[in-house]
Amino acid sequence: MEMNKGLLNLIIMVQNYKQLKLDEGLFYKKGIDWWNETKGYYFNIDMDLMHKLGLNKNLNDFDHVLSYKITDEMENTEYSELGKFTF
């Protein structure tokens, strides 16, 4: 599917949440189950928004969002031109 502003922002949001959980584990020097915490965060996103962006609440889409590589070029592209990238 083509990248768009909403999808890019959702990917960034979920990946940043993952990083927050990893950082909390290091800061507090305790084991945090970042994967389940991030999965819970993803699965709590509004279903209508997910469908609007072409995503589903399943492990395949969750893993794809987590592993998707956001490039500098994407972050520096005008929102109207994000369609040249695929997800």
N, C-alpha and C. Protein backbone atom coordinates (compact mmCIF):
# COMPACT_ATOMS: atom_id res chain seq x y z
N MET A 1 0.85 -1.18 0.00
CA MET A 1 0.00 0.00 0.00
C MET A 1 0.89 1.24 0.00
N GLU A 2 0.35 2.34 -0.48
CA GLU A 2 1.10 3.58 -0.51
C GLU A 2 1.18 4.21 0.88
N MET A 3 2.33 4.80 1.14
CA MET A 3 2.51 5.53 2.39
C MET A 3 1.69 6.81 2.34
N ASN A 4 1.20 7.24 3.50
CA ASN A 4 0.50 8.52 3.61
C ASN A 4 0.80 9.10 4.98
N LYS A 5 0.38 10.32 5.19
CA LYS A 5 0.68 11.03 6.44
C LYS A 5 0.20 10.27 7.68
N GLY A 6 -1.03 9.80 7.66
CA GLY A 6 -1.58 9.11 8.82
C GLY A 6 -0.85 7.81 9.12
N LEU A 7 -0.56 7.05 8.09
CA LEU A 7 0.13 5.78 8.26
C LEU A 7 1.55 6.01 8.79
N LEU A 8 2.25 6.97 8.20
CA LEU A 8 3.59 7.30 8.66
C LEU A 8 3.58 7.72 10.13
N ASN A 9 2.64 8.56 10.49
CA ASN A 9 2.55 9.02 11.88
C ASN A 9 2.24 7.87 12.84
N LEU A 10 1.37 6.95 12.43
CA LEU A 10 1.05 5.81 13.28
C LEU A 10 2.28 4.92 13.46
N ILE A 11 3.03 4.68 12.40
CA ILE A 11 4.24 3.87 12.49
C ILE A 11 5.24 4.52 13.45
N ILE A 12 5.44 5.82 13.29
CA ILE A 12 6.36 6.55 14.17
C ILE A 12 5.88 6.46 15.61
N MET A 13 4.61 6.63 15.83
CA MET A 13 4.04 6.60 17.17
C MET A 13 4.28 5.25 17.84
N VAL A 14 4.00 4.16 17.14
CA VAL A 14 4.17 2.83 17.72
C VAL A 14 5.65 2.53 17.94
N GLN A 15 6.50 2.89 16.98
CA GLN A 15 7.93 2.64 17.15
C GLN A 15 8.51 3.48 18.29
N ASN A 16 8.03 4.71 18.45
CA ASN A 16 8.49 5.54 19.56
C ASN A 16 8.03 4.97 20.90
N TYR A 17 6.84 4.41 20.95
CA TYR A 17 6.35 3.78 22.17
C TYR A 17 7.25 2.59 22.54
N LYS A 18 7.61 1.81 21.53
CA LYS A 18 8.53 0.69 21.77
C LYS A 18 9.83 1.21 22.37
N GLN A 19 10.38 2.27 21.79
CA GLN A 19 11.64 2.81 22.29
C GLN A 19 11.49 3.34 23.71
N LEU A 20 10.36 3.96 24.01
CA LEU A 20 10.09 4.43 25.37
C LEU A 20 10.14 3.27 26.36
N LYS A 21 9.52 2.16 26.02
CA LYS A 21 9.50 1.00 26.91
C LYS A 21 10.91 0.43 27.09
N LEU A 22 11.69 0.39 26.02
CA LEU A 22 13.07 -0.08 26.12
C LEU A 22 13.89 0.85 27.02
N ASP A 23 13.71 2.16 26.83
CA ASP A 23 14.44 3.15 27.63
C ASP A 23 14.03 3.09 29.11
N GLU A 24 12.75 2.89 29.37
CA GLU A 24 12.29 2.75 30.76
C GLU A 24 12.97 1.56 31.43
N GLY A 25 13.09 0.46 30.72
CA GLY A 25 13.75 -0.72 31.27
C GLY A 25 15.19 -0.44 31.64
N LEU A 26 15.90 0.31 30.78
CA LEU A 26 17.28 0.65 31.07
C LEU A 26 17.38 1.65 32.21
N PHE A 27 16.51 2.65 32.21
CA PHE A 27 16.56 3.70 33.21
C PHE A 27 16.27 3.16 34.61
N TYR A 28 15.24 2.36 34.70
CA TYR A 28 14.84 1.82 36.01
C TYR A 28 15.56 0.51 36.35
N LYS A 29 16.41 0.06 35.41
CA LYS A 29 17.18 -1.17 35.60
C LYS A 29 16.30 -2.35 36.00
N LYS A 30 15.22 -2.47 35.25
CA LYS A 30 14.33 -3.61 35.47
C LYS A 30 13.87 -4.14 34.13
N GLY A 31 13.53 -5.39 34.13
CA GLY A 31 13.06 -6.00 32.90
C GLY A 31 11.65 -5.55 32.58
N ILE A 32 11.48 -5.00 31.42
CA ILE A 32 10.15 -4.60 30.95
C ILE A 32 9.86 -5.43 29.70
N ASP A 33 8.69 -5.99 29.65
CA ASP A 33 8.27 -6.76 28.49
C ASP A 33 7.80 -5.78 27.42
N TRP A 34 8.77 -5.16 26.75
CA TRP A 34 8.47 -4.09 25.79
C TRP A 34 7.57 -4.60 24.66
N TRP A 35 7.75 -5.87 24.26
CA TRP A 35 6.97 -6.39 23.15
C TRP A 35 5.49 -6.45 23.50
N ASN A 36 5.16 -7.01 24.66
CA ASN A 36 3.75 -7.09 25.06
C ASN A 36 3.18 -5.72 25.39
N GLU A 37 3.98 -4.85 25.98
CA GLU A 37 3.52 -3.49 26.27
C GLU A 37 3.19 -2.75 24.96
N THR A 38 4.09 -2.88 23.98
CA THR A 38 3.89 -2.20 22.69
C THR A 38 2.74 -2.84 21.92
N LYS A 39 2.62 -4.15 22.01
CA LYS A 39 1.50 -4.85 21.36
C LYS A 39 0.18 -4.35 21.94
N GLY A 40 0.11 -4.21 23.26
CA GLY A 40 -1.10 -3.71 23.89
C GLY A 40 -1.43 -2.29 23.44
N TYR A 41 -0.39 -1.48 23.31
CA TYR A 41 -0.57 -0.10 22.82
C TYR A 41 -1.15 -0.12 21.40
N TYR A 42 -0.57 -0.94 20.53
CA TYR A 42 -1.03 -1.04 19.14
C TYR A 42 -2.48 -1.53 19.07
N PHE A 43 -2.79 -2.56 19.84
CA PHE A 43 -4.13 -3.15 19.79
C PHE A 43 -5.19 -2.26 20.43
N ASN A 44 -4.78 -1.21 21.13
CA ASN A 44 -5.74 -0.27 21.71
C ASN A 44 -6.00 0.94 20.81
N ILE A 45 -5.34 1.00 19.67
CA ILE A 45 -5.61 2.08 18.72
C ILE A 45 -7.01 1.87 18.13
N ASP A 46 -7.74 2.94 17.94
CA ASP A 46 -9.11 2.88 17.44
C ASP A 46 -9.21 2.08 16.14
N MET A 47 -10.14 1.14 16.13
CA MET A 47 -10.33 0.26 14.98
C MET A 47 -10.68 1.02 13.71
N ASP A 48 -11.51 2.04 13.82
CA ASP A 48 -11.88 2.83 12.64
C ASP A 48 -10.66 3.51 12.03
N LEU A 49 -9.79 4.03 12.89
CA LEU A 49 -8.56 4.66 12.40
C LEU A 49 -7.68 3.63 11.72
N MET A 50 -7.54 2.46 12.34
CA MET A 50 -6.71 1.41 11.76
C MET A 50 -7.22 1.03 10.36
N HIS A 51 -8.53 0.82 10.23
CA HIS A 51 -9.09 0.44 8.93
C HIS A 51 -8.92 1.55 7.91
N LYS A 52 -9.08 2.80 8.36
CA LYS A 52 -8.89 3.95 7.46
C LYS A 52 -7.47 3.97 6.89
N LEU A 53 -6.51 3.53 7.71
CA LEU A 53 -5.11 3.52 7.27
C LEU A 53 -4.72 2.22 6.56
N GLY A 54 -5.67 1.28 6.47
CA GLY A 54 -5.41 0.03 5.78
C GLY A 54 -4.76 -1.03 6.66
N LEU A 55 -4.87 -0.86 7.98
CA LEU A 55 -4.27 -1.81 8.91
C LEU A 55 -5.34 -2.59 9.65
N ASN A 56 -4.94 -3.71 10.18
CA ASN A 56 -5.81 -4.53 11.01
C ASN A 56 -5.13 -4.76 12.35
N LYS A 57 -5.93 -5.14 13.31
CA LYS A 57 -5.38 -5.49 14.63
C LYS A 57 -5.03 -6.97 14.62
N ASN A 58 -3.88 -7.27 14.02
CA ASN A 58 -3.38 -8.64 14.02
C ASN A 58 -1.86 -8.59 14.16
N LEU A 59 -1.27 -9.73 14.47
CA LEU A 59 0.17 -9.76 14.72
C LEU A 59 0.99 -9.48 13.47
N ASN A 60 0.48 -9.85 12.29
CA ASN A 60 1.22 -9.56 11.05
C ASN A 60 1.38 -8.06 10.85
N ASP A 61 0.29 -7.32 10.98
CA ASP A 61 0.37 -5.86 10.80
C ASP A 61 1.18 -5.22 11.92
N PHE A 62 1.01 -5.70 13.15
CA PHE A 62 1.79 -5.18 14.27
C PHE A 62 3.29 -5.37 14.02
N ASP A 63 3.69 -6.57 13.62
CA ASP A 63 5.11 -6.83 13.36
C ASP A 63 5.62 -5.99 12.20
N HIS A 64 4.78 -5.80 11.19
CA HIS A 64 5.18 -4.98 10.04
C HIS A 64 5.40 -3.53 10.48
N VAL A 65 4.51 -3.00 11.30
CA VAL A 65 4.65 -1.63 11.82
C VAL A 65 5.93 -1.51 12.64
N LEU A 66 6.19 -2.49 13.50
CA LEU A 66 7.38 -2.43 14.35
C LEU A 66 8.67 -2.51 13.54
N SER A 67 8.69 -3.31 12.51
CA SER A 67 9.93 -3.55 11.78
C SER A 67 10.12 -2.62 10.58
N TYR A 68 9.12 -1.83 10.25
CA TYR A 68 9.19 -0.97 9.07
C TYR A 68 10.30 0.06 9.23
N LYS A 69 11.16 0.18 8.23
CA LYS A 69 12.27 1.11 8.28
C LYS A 69 11.85 2.47 7.71
N ILE A 70 11.82 3.46 8.58
CA ILE A 70 11.52 4.83 8.14
C ILE A 70 12.84 5.49 7.78
N THR A 71 12.93 5.95 6.55
CA THR A 71 14.17 6.55 6.07
C THR A 71 14.17 8.07 6.28
N ASP A 72 15.35 8.64 6.22
CA ASP A 72 15.47 10.10 6.30
C ASP A 72 14.72 10.76 5.15
N GLU A 73 14.77 10.11 3.98
CA GLU A 73 14.07 10.67 2.82
C GLU A 73 12.56 10.76 3.09
N MET A 74 12.01 9.75 3.72
CA MET A 74 10.58 9.77 4.03
C MET A 74 10.26 10.91 4.99
N GLU A 75 11.08 11.05 6.02
CA GLU A 75 10.83 12.08 7.03
C GLU A 75 10.99 13.49 6.47
N ASN A 76 11.71 13.62 5.37
CA ASN A 76 11.94 14.94 4.78
C ASN A 76 11.12 15.17 3.51
N THR A 77 10.15 14.30 3.27
CA THR A 77 9.29 14.42 2.09
C THR A 77 7.99 15.13 2.48
N GLU A 78 7.51 15.97 1.59
CA GLU A 78 6.21 16.61 1.81
C GLU A 78 5.15 15.53 1.94
N TYR A 79 4.19 15.76 2.83
CA TYR A 79 3.14 14.77 3.05
C TYR A 79 2.45 14.38 1.73
N SER A 80 2.24 15.34 0.86
CA SER A 80 1.54 15.07 -0.40
C SER A 80 2.32 14.15 -1.33
N GLU A 81 3.61 13.95 -1.07
CA GLU A 81 4.46 13.14 -1.93
C GLU A 81 4.82 11.79 -1.30
N LEU A 82 4.25 11.47 -0.15
CA LEU A 82 4.58 10.22 0.53
C LEU A 82 4.14 8.98 -0.24
N GLY A 83 3.22 9.14 -1.17
CA GLY A 83 2.72 8.02 -1.95
C GLY A 83 3.77 7.33 -2.79
N LYS A 84 4.93 7.96 -2.95
CA LYS A 84 6.00 7.31 -3.73
C LYS A 84 6.68 6.20 -2.92
N PHE A 85 6.37 6.13 -1.62
CA PHE A 85 6.90 5.07 -0.77
C PHE A 85 5.80 4.04 -0.51
N THR A 86 6.21 2.80 -0.30
CA THR A 86 5.23 1.76 -0.02
C THR A 86 5.42 1.21 1.38
N PHE A 87 4.34 0.68 1.90
CA PHE A 87 4.36 0.05 3.21
C PHE A 87 4.07 -1.42 3.04
